[in-house]
């Protein structure tokens, strides 16, 4: 897992802890939910990019790999 992905996961975990707190303010909860959506979208972009990169490294369908 990349450092960026690990940081995003930590941020989401922290937001989840704050959202579970019984005294979380409604406005703060809304901010956290918005931030979680932003982080999740960024994670999705990174994973899509990684999948495209991995796919590009594969040989084309129907072509054999020479050893």
PDB file of N, CA and C in Angstrom:
ATOM      1  N   UNK A   1       0.847  -1.169   0.000  1.00  0.00           N
ATOM      2  CA  UNK A   1       0.000   0.000   0.000  1.00  0.00           C
ATOM      3  C   UNK A   1       0.896   1.236   0.000  1.00  0.00           C
ATOM      4  N   UNK A   2       0.575   2.188  -0.836  1.00  0.00           N
ATOM      5  CA  UNK A   2       1.395   3.396  -0.939  1.00  0.00           C
ATOM      6  C   UNK A   2       1.242   4.261   0.311  1.00  0.00           C
ATOM      7  N   UNK A   3       2.186   5.156   0.490  1.00  0.00           N
ATOM      8  CA  UNK A   3       2.153   6.064   1.638  1.00  0.00           C
ATOM      9  C   UNK A   3       0.917   6.962   1.587  1.00  0.00           C
ATOM     10  N   UNK A   4       0.546   7.390   0.372  1.00  0.00           N
ATOM     11  CA  UNK A   4      -0.646   8.239   0.228  1.00  0.00           C
ATOM     12  C   UNK A   4      -1.901   7.486   0.647  1.00  0.00           C
ATOM     13  N   UNK A   5      -1.993   6.225   0.238  1.00  0.00           N
ATOM     14  CA  UNK A   5      -3.139   5.405   0.590  1.00  0.00           C
ATOM     15  C   UNK A   5      -3.197   5.163   2.097  1.00  0.00           C
ATOM     16  N   UNK A   6      -2.049   4.911   2.696  1.00  0.00           N
ATOM     17  CA  UNK A   6      -2.001   4.709   4.145  1.00  0.00           C
ATOM     18  C   UNK A   6      -2.440   5.963   4.891  1.00  0.00           C
ATOM     19  N   UNK A   7      -2.017   7.119   4.413  1.00  0.00           N
ATOM     20  CA  UNK A   7      -2.410   8.382   5.043  1.00  0.00           C
ATOM     21  C   UNK A   7      -3.916   8.593   4.920  1.00  0.00           C
ATOM     22  N   UNK A   8      -4.472   8.262   3.762  1.00  0.00           N
ATOM     23  CA  UNK A   8      -5.911   8.414   3.549  1.00  0.00           C
ATOM     24  C   UNK A   8      -6.686   7.481   4.477  1.00  0.00           C
ATOM     25  N   UNK A   9      -6.211   6.271   4.633  1.00  0.00           N
ATOM     26  CA  UNK A   9      -6.868   5.315   5.526  1.00  0.00           C
ATOM     27  C   UNK A   9      -6.825   5.824   6.962  1.00  0.00           C
ATOM     28  N   UNK A  10      -5.693   6.348   7.373  1.00  0.00           N
ATOM     29  CA  UNK A  10      -5.585   6.899   8.731  1.00  0.00           C
ATOM     30  C   UNK A  10      -6.562   8.061   8.928  1.00  0.00           C
ATOM     31  N   UNK A  11      -6.673   8.904   7.911  1.00  0.00           N
ATOM     32  CA  UNK A  11      -7.594  10.044   8.003  1.00  0.00           C
ATOM     33  C   UNK A  11      -9.041   9.564   8.119  1.00  0.00           C
ATOM     34  N   UNK A  12      -9.400   8.549   7.330  1.00  0.00           N
ATOM     35  CA  UNK A  12     -10.760   8.009   7.412  1.00  0.00           C
ATOM     36  C   UNK A  12     -11.019   7.363   8.770  1.00  0.00           C
ATOM     37  N   UNK A  13     -10.034   6.665   9.303  1.00  0.00           N
ATOM     38  CA  UNK A  13     -10.188   6.048  10.620  1.00  0.00           C
ATOM     39  C   UNK A  13     -10.376   7.103  11.708  1.00  0.00           C
ATOM     40  N   UNK A  14      -9.618   8.190  11.623  1.00  0.00           N
ATOM     41  CA  UNK A  14      -9.753   9.275  12.594  1.00  0.00           C
ATOM     42  C   UNK A  14     -11.137   9.916  12.490  1.00  0.00           C
ATOM     43  N   UNK A  15     -11.593  10.136  11.267  1.00  0.00           N
ATOM     44  CA  UNK A  15     -12.922  10.717  11.073  1.00  0.00           C
ATOM     45  C   UNK A  15     -13.998   9.797  11.647  1.00  0.00           C
ATOM     46  N   UNK A  16     -13.843   8.493  11.454  1.00  0.00           N
ATOM     47  CA  UNK A  16     -14.812   7.537  11.998  1.00  0.00           C
ATOM     48  C   UNK A  16     -14.839   7.607  13.520  1.00  0.00           C
ATOM     49  N   UNK A  17     -13.672   7.723  14.144  1.00  0.00           N
ATOM     50  CA  UNK A  17     -13.622   7.847  15.604  1.00  0.00           C
ATOM     51  C   UNK A  17     -14.354   9.097  16.067  1.00  0.00           C
ATOM     52  N   UNK A  18     -14.108  10.207  15.377  1.00  0.00           N
ATOM     53  CA  UNK A  18     -14.778  11.463  15.745  1.00  0.00           C
ATOM     54  C   UNK A  18     -16.284  11.360  15.551  1.00  0.00           C
ATOM     55  N   UNK A  19     -16.706  10.735  14.451  1.00  0.00           N
ATOM     56  CA  UNK A  19     -18.138  10.624  14.181  1.00  0.00           C
ATOM     57  C   UNK A  19     -18.852   9.738  15.205  1.00  0.00           C
ATOM     58  N   UNK A  20     -18.142   8.785  15.785  1.00  0.00           N
ATOM     59  CA  UNK A  20     -18.740   7.908  16.802  1.00  0.00           C
ATOM     60  C   UNK A  20     -18.839   8.571  18.171  1.00  0.00           C
ATOM     61  N   UNK A  21     -18.141   9.666  18.350  1.00  0.00           N
ATOM     62  CA  UNK A  21     -18.142  10.339  19.649  1.00  0.00           C
ATOM     63  C   UNK A  21     -19.562  10.836  19.971  1.00  0.00           C
ATOM     64  N   UNK A  22     -20.014  10.623  21.190  1.00  0.00           N
ATOM     65  CA  UNK A  22     -21.384  11.024  21.542  1.00  0.00           C
ATOM     66  C   UNK A  22     -21.598  12.539  21.531  1.00  0.00           C
ATOM     67  N   UNK A  23     -20.531  13.294  21.681  1.00  0.00           N
ATOM     68  CA  UNK A  23     -20.671  14.748  21.762  1.00  0.00           C
ATOM     69  C   UNK A  23     -20.288  15.471  20.471  1.00  0.00           C
ATOM     70  N   UNK A  24     -20.241  14.749  19.349  1.00  0.00           N
ATOM     71  CA  UNK A  24     -19.848  15.391  18.085  1.00  0.00           C
ATOM     72  C   UNK A  24     -20.922  16.403  17.676  1.00  0.00           C
ATOM     73  N   UNK A  25     -20.463  17.574  17.350  1.00  0.00           N
ATOM     74  CA  UNK A  25     -21.334  18.663  16.906  1.00  0.00           C
ATOM     75  C   UNK A  25     -21.871  18.355  15.508  1.00  0.00           C
ATOM     76  N   UNK A  26     -23.089  18.740  15.235  1.00  0.00           N
ATOM     77  CA  UNK A  26     -23.714  18.474  13.939  1.00  0.00           C
ATOM     78  C   UNK A  26     -22.916  19.080  12.792  1.00  0.00           C
ATOM     79  N   UNK A  27     -22.452  20.301  12.970  1.00  0.00           N
ATOM     80  CA  UNK A  27     -21.675  20.959  11.917  1.00  0.00           C
ATOM     81  C   UNK A  27     -20.353  20.225  11.694  1.00  0.00           C
ATOM     82  N   UNK A  28     -19.721  19.812  12.784  1.00  0.00           N
ATOM     83  CA  UNK A  28     -18.450  19.068  12.659  1.00  0.00           C
ATOM     84  C   UNK A  28     -18.690  17.728  11.980  1.00  0.00           C
ATOM     85  N   UNK A  29     -19.780  17.064  12.319  1.00  0.00           N
ATOM     86  CA  UNK A  29     -20.104  15.789  11.685  1.00  0.00           C
ATOM     87  C   UNK A  29     -20.297  15.974  10.182  1.00  0.00           C
ATOM     88  N   UNK A  30     -20.957  17.036   9.790  1.00  0.00           N
ATOM     89  CA  UNK A  30     -21.164  17.307   8.366  1.00  0.00           C
ATOM     90  C   UNK A  30     -19.833  17.553   7.660  1.00  0.00           C
ATOM     91  N   UNK A  31     -18.932  18.288   8.310  1.00  0.00           N
ATOM     92  CA  UNK A  31     -17.595  18.517   7.748  1.00  0.00           C
ATOM     93  C   UNK A  31     -16.844  17.203   7.570  1.00  0.00           C
ATOM     94  N   UNK A  32     -16.922  16.354   8.586  1.00  0.00           N
ATOM     95  CA  UNK A  32     -16.231  15.061   8.524  1.00  0.00           C
ATOM     96  C   UNK A  32     -16.782  14.189   7.404  1.00  0.00           C
ATOM     97  N   UNK A  33     -18.086  14.165   7.253  1.00  0.00           N
ATOM     98  CA  UNK A  33     -18.704  13.365   6.194  1.00  0.00           C
ATOM     99  C   UNK A  33     -18.262  13.888   4.826  1.00  0.00           C
ATOM    100  N   UNK A  34     -18.259  15.198   4.651  1.00  0.00           N
ATOM    101  CA  UNK A  34     -17.791  15.776   3.383  1.00  0.00           C
ATOM    102  C   UNK A  34     -16.331  15.412   3.122  1.00  0.00           C
ATOM    103  N   UNK A  35     -15.510  15.503   4.141  1.00  0.00           N
ATOM    104  CA  UNK A  35     -14.081  15.176   3.979  1.00  0.00           C
ATOM    105  C   UNK A  35     -13.905  13.696   3.650  1.00  0.00           C
ATOM    106  N   UNK A  36     -14.678  12.841   4.294  1.00  0.00           N
ATOM    107  CA  UNK A  36     -14.613  11.404   3.988  1.00  0.00           C
ATOM    108  C   UNK A  36     -14.955  11.142   2.528  1.00  0.00           C
ATOM    109  N   UNK A  37     -15.953  11.835   2.018  1.00  0.00           N
ATOM    110  CA  UNK A  37     -16.330  11.681   0.610  1.00  0.00           C
ATOM    111  C   UNK A  37     -15.180  12.114  -0.301  1.00  0.00           C
ATOM    112  N   UNK A  38     -14.521  13.208   0.042  1.00  0.00           N
ATOM    113  CA  UNK A  38     -13.382  13.676  -0.760  1.00  0.00           C
ATOM    114  C   UNK A  38     -12.242  12.662  -0.735  1.00  0.00           C
ATOM    115  N   UNK A  39     -11.936  12.156   0.451  1.00  0.00           N
ATOM    116  CA  UNK A  39     -10.846  11.184   0.596  1.00  0.00           C
ATOM    117  C   UNK A  39     -11.184   9.904  -0.161  1.00  0.00           C
ATOM    118  N   UNK A  40     -12.423   9.440  -0.033  1.00  0.00           N
ATOM    119  CA  UNK A  40     -12.845   8.228  -0.740  1.00  0.00           C
ATOM    120  C   UNK A  40     -12.751   8.405  -2.254  1.00  0.00           C
ATOM    121  N   UNK A  41     -13.105   9.573  -2.750  1.00  0.00           N
ATOM    122  CA  UNK A  41     -12.998   9.834  -4.182  1.00  0.00           C
ATOM    123  C   UNK A  41     -11.536   9.798  -4.630  1.00  0.00           C
ATOM    124  N   UNK A  42     -10.653  10.367  -3.837  1.00  0.00           N
ATOM    125  CA  UNK A  42      -9.228  10.360  -4.167  1.00  0.00           C
ATOM    126  C   UNK A  42      -8.678   8.936  -4.139  1.00  0.00           C
ATOM    127  N   UNK A  43      -9.087   8.160  -3.145  1.00  0.00           N
ATOM    128  CA  UNK A  43      -8.660   6.760  -3.084  1.00  0.00           C
ATOM    129  C   UNK A  43      -9.135   6.018  -4.326  1.00  0.00           C
ATOM    130  N   UNK A  44     -10.361   6.263  -4.727  1.00  0.00           N
ATOM    131  CA  UNK A  44     -10.903   5.632  -5.929  1.00  0.00           C
ATOM    132  C   UNK A  44     -10.084   5.977  -7.166  1.00  0.00           C
ATOM    133  N   UNK A  45      -9.688   7.231  -7.286  1.00  0.00           N
ATOM    134  CA  UNK A  45      -8.857   7.651  -8.422  1.00  0.00           C
ATOM    135  C   UNK A  45      -7.520   6.922  -8.415  1.00  0.00           C
ATOM    136  N   UNK A  46      -6.909   6.833  -7.229  1.00  0.00           N
ATOM    137  CA  UNK A  46      -5.611   6.163  -7.123  1.00  0.00           C
ATOM    138  C   UNK A  46      -5.720   4.680  -7.476  1.00  0.00           C
ATOM    139  N   UNK A  47      -6.774   4.034  -7.002  1.00  0.00           N
ATOM    140  CA  UNK A  47      -6.958   2.615  -7.298  1.00  0.00           C
ATOM    141  C   UNK A  47      -7.244   2.387  -8.780  1.00  0.00           C
ATOM    142  N   UNK A  48      -8.044   3.266  -9.384  1.00  0.00           N
ATOM    143  CA  UNK A  48      -8.299   3.167 -10.827  1.00  0.00           C
ATOM    144  C   UNK A  48      -7.005   3.320 -11.615  1.00  0.00           C
ATOM    145  N   UNK A  49      -6.196   4.285 -11.215  1.00  0.00           N
ATOM    146  CA  UNK A  49      -4.920   4.523 -11.884  1.00  0.00           C
ATOM    147  C   UNK A  49      -4.017   3.291 -11.756  1.00  0.00           C
ATOM    148  N   UNK A  50      -3.968   2.716 -10.566  1.00  0.00           N
ATOM    149  CA  UNK A  50      -3.140   1.528 -10.342  1.00  0.00           C
ATOM    150  C   UNK A  50      -3.640   0.350 -11.179  1.00  0.00           C
ATOM    151  N   UNK A  51      -4.948   0.203 -11.279  1.00  0.00           N
ATOM    152  CA  UNK A  51      -5.512  -0.888 -12.082  1.00  0.00           C
ATOM    153  C   UNK A  51      -5.187  -0.693 -13.562  1.00  0.00           C
ATOM    154  N   UNK A  52      -5.287   0.539 -14.050  1.00  0.00           N
ATOM    155  CA  UNK A  52      -4.946   0.807 -15.457  1.00  0.00           C
ATOM    156  C   UNK A  52      -3.468   0.538 -15.709  1.00  0.00           C
ATOM    157  N   UNK A  53      -2.624   0.945 -14.778  1.00  0.00           N
ATOM    158  CA  UNK A  53      -1.188   0.702 -14.932  1.00  0.00           C
ATOM    159  C   UNK A  53      -0.889  -0.791 -14.962  1.00  0.00           C
ATOM    160  N   UNK A  54      -1.526  -1.542 -14.096  1.00  0.00           N
ATOM    161  CA  UNK A  54      -1.312  -2.993 -14.058  1.00  0.00           C
ATOM    162  C   UNK A  54      -1.819  -3.647 -15.335  1.00  0.00           C
ATOM    163  N   UNK A  55      -2.935  -3.166 -15.829  1.00  0.00           N
ATOM    164  CA  UNK A  55      -3.514  -3.712 -17.062  1.00  0.00           C
ATOM    165  C   UNK A  55      -2.610  -3.426 -18.254  1.00  0.00           C
ATOM    166  N   UNK A  56      -2.019  -2.262 -18.269  1.00  0.00           N
ATOM    167  CA  UNK A  56      -1.147  -1.861 -19.364  1.00  0.00           C
ATOM    168  C   UNK A  56       0.106  -2.750 -19.415  1.00  0.00           C
ATOM    169  N   UNK A  57       0.533  -3.230 -18.261  1.00  0.00           N
ATOM    170  CA  UNK A  57       1.720  -4.071 -18.186  1.00  0.00           C
ATOM    171  C   UNK A  57       1.470  -5.500 -18.651  1.00  0.00           C
ATOM    172  N   UNK A  58       0.207  -5.883 -18.787  1.00  0.00           N
ATOM    173  CA  UNK A  58      -0.116  -7.237 -19.233  1.00  0.00           C
ATOM    174  C   UNK A  58       0.038  -7.340 -20.746  1.00  0.00           C
ATOM    175  N   UNK A  59       0.409  -8.513 -21.256  1.00  0.00           N
ATOM    176  CA  UNK A  59       0.478  -8.663 -22.711  1.00  0.00           C
ATOM    177  C   UNK A  59      -0.931  -8.591 -23.316  1.00  0.00           C
ATOM    178  N   UNK A  60      -1.000  -8.152 -24.544  1.00  0.00           N
ATOM    179  CA  UNK A  60      -2.281  -8.047 -25.217  1.00  0.00           C
ATOM    180  C   UNK A  60      -2.919  -9.423 -25.348  1.00  0.00           C
ATOM    181  N   UNK A  61      -4.231  -9.464 -25.325  1.00  0.00           N
ATOM    182  CA  UNK A  61      -4.961 -10.722 -25.437  1.00  0.00           C
ATOM    183  C   UNK A  61      -4.623 -11.409 -26.753  1.00  0.00           C
ATOM    184  N   UNK A  62      -4.380 -12.698 -26.671  1.00  0.00           N
ATOM    185  CA  UNK A  62      -4.092 -13.471 -27.861  1.00  0.00           C
ATOM    186  C   UNK A  62      -2.611 -13.495 -28.235  1.00  0.00           C
ATOM    187  N   UNK A  63      -1.807 -12.740 -27.559  1.00  0.00           N
ATOM    188  CA  UNK A  63      -0.388 -12.712 -27.841  1.00  0.00           C
ATOM    189  C   UNK A  63       0.343 -13.515 -26.777  1.00  0.00           C
ATOM    190  N   UNK A  64       1.244 -14.339 -27.225  1.00  0.00           N
ATOM    191  CA  UNK A  64       2.017 -15.129 -26.289  1.00  0.00           C
ATOM    192  C   UNK A  64       3.259 -14.358 -25.892  1.00  0.00           C
ATOM    193  N   UNK A  65       3.696 -14.628 -24.711  1.00  0.00           N
ATOM    194  CA  UNK A  65       4.896 -13.988 -24.214  1.00  0.00           C
ATOM    195  C   UNK A  65       6.119 -14.836 -24.587  1.00  0.00           C
ATOM    196  N   UNK A  66       7.106 -14.205 -25.159  1.00  0.00           N
ATOM    197  CA  UNK A  66       8.331 -14.916 -25.516  1.00  0.00           C
ATOM    198  C   UNK A  66       9.256 -14.998 -24.315  1.00  0.00           C
ATOM    199  N   UNK A  67       9.832 -16.151 -24.123  1.00  0.00           N
ATOM    200  CA  UNK A  67      10.747 -16.320 -22.979  1.00  0.00           C
ATOM    201  C   UNK A  67      12.176 -16.189 -23.391  1.00  0.00           C
TER     202      UNK A  67
END
